[in-house]
Amino acid sequence: MHPSIEDLEDDNNSVIFRESHMELQLKPLMDNGDLASPLPSTPINVSAEARVTFNVGGVTFQTSEKTLLKQVNNKNFLLSNPRNLIKYYDERRKEYFFDRDPEVFRSILNYWRSGHLHLPSTICGLQVEEELKFWGLKELDIEPCCWNNYNTWMQTIKALKKVERDRDPAYLHAGDILPPPPSTKYQRLKMLTWKILTDPSFSVIAQVYAYFSLAVVVLSIFSFCASTHKLFQISSPEGINATSLVPGNVSSTITPNNTFQSNNHSSHGSRVSKSGRMAQAHPALVIIDIFCLAIFTAEYLLRLACAKNRLKFVISVIAVLDLLAILPDYIEFIVNAAHSDMNAHHAIIDFMQFLRLMRAFRIFRLIRRVPGLWILMYTLKASFKELFLMLVFLLVGTLLFSSVIYFVDDPDVFISIPHGFWWAIVTMTTVGYGDMTPSTALGQVVGSVTAVCGVLIIGFTIPSLVNSFITYFNHIEFIVQKERLLSADAESKNRVQVQQETHTNSTGMYFEFPHHKADVITRSSKV
């Protein structure tokens, strides 16, 4: 018997399902929605024993008509809409068949029964979202006890998609890529250059350059650090004295034994020794700096030349860091040329010292080459809200405990509340330098409470950062492994295709020779 629909509309516009002899009887509707047969004169009593059978993914579920009527006012709910439900009816098995996940449907059916949507915690959030959309339910129908787990799934999925997109060089270096496909030889050359500079997986040459660039960065950082150590310094030639580097009113700071008391000023990467002579970096380090500077400059200019939108490239974070890594050397060269007579003002010397400090920005060039470092920086950026919340808690604790310790402890140690800021910060972060310590019993109690509160504040935030880092790192490892497998599979297919083309070409060449062709024709005619 073919199923039909009986659509009985009362004041609440409800739909009544009717089953007779364990079979759902549904009378057909006309095109305009009217019943094909007249309505019964007496109301229909729905039996609690009448059952409806659903086969979802091979798992059979049964429920009563009375249960179906509970959610009848939800027009978007698939099981409450007979017009959409009838196309899933299996006439032979007398059941409704859905090729969907039975585990989620179990929760859907329970929602039908109780009006509360509880979801299994072992199912991925994306799958739950798809199932809810199919059955006509919304995320707002999820109960609060299950919402946290579902929301965690969805937020994790969004974060992984974002980190995957940000990892893509086409997004990470937005502005310095070219729109594919290149139409001219010049554009193809720029695209090739861009790939070699930014994508180590593009080719063997790109991979070799990536290792070379990493080695140059490490070498540059080594030169920067080694130039400040006495083992890599030499004394300046005779005749160049520290007094020539400072104004006349500062020369009085030179002691009778020619010792320059303020050795914080430097130039050309050198510091003033006790003899009053300049300690300069070793010439080998200078050569290394020039070599690294040339590599960094060439790479920056090449990436700028290959940029589709040069303005967007220049203001990008990575480009700014690259520029800060090379700009100080050129400014220092210009300043040295302008003051070749070595008569410089304190401000110029301090500025030169600041420029040398900016060379430390070269460490950020490792972000593009070391995945773990990039993931760490990305984790800090993605966890900005958690870090900001921790900072607020630390500021509140710093102000509170520094004020308390000021009033309850020795005023000779904690001379003001701002002086107590330092003590509160190092205590809450469990560093405890020991330069400022409470001396009274009440002050020690305050110090203990400060340390415990600091542990709690940091403990609320650090695990979240660690979990995010591990999640991002594992996902990137999965993507890298997947890319390697896909690349190996593509290379295997290309080799097979080349072999097939070679075989085809060699077979075709056989027929190009006249005597071969004649021989084949002769043999064919004999056959």
Foldseek 3Di string as FASTA:
>chain_A
DQAAADADQDPLSFGAWADDPLATHHFHADPVRHGPDDDDPDDDDFDQPRKAWEQEQNDIDIGGSVLLRQPLNQCQFQSNPVVNQSVQADPVVRHGYHDADVQLVVQVSVCSRPVAREHDLVDALVNNVVVCVVRRHDLVRHDPVRNVSSVVRVVLVVVLVVLVQCLPCCNVQPQLADDPDDDDPVLVVLNVLVCLLFPLVPDVSSVVVLVVLVVLLVLLVCLLVVLQDLVFWDWDDPPDFLLQQEDPVQSVCQDPQRARPDFPFDAQSWTQDRNRTIIGGHVVSVVSNVVSLVVLVVSLVSSCVSGPHNVVSCPRPVNVLSCLQNVLVVVSVVVCVVPVVNRHYPVVRVVNVVSSVSNVSSVVVCLSNDVLVVLLVVLCVVCVVLVVVLVVLLVVLLQVLLVVLCVPFDCVQSVDSVSSSVVLNCLLCVNCPPSGQGDDPVNVVSSVVSNVSSCVSVVVRVVVSVVSSVSNVVSVVVVVVVVVVVVVVVVVVVVVVVVVVVVVVVVVVQCVDVVSVVVVVVVVVVD
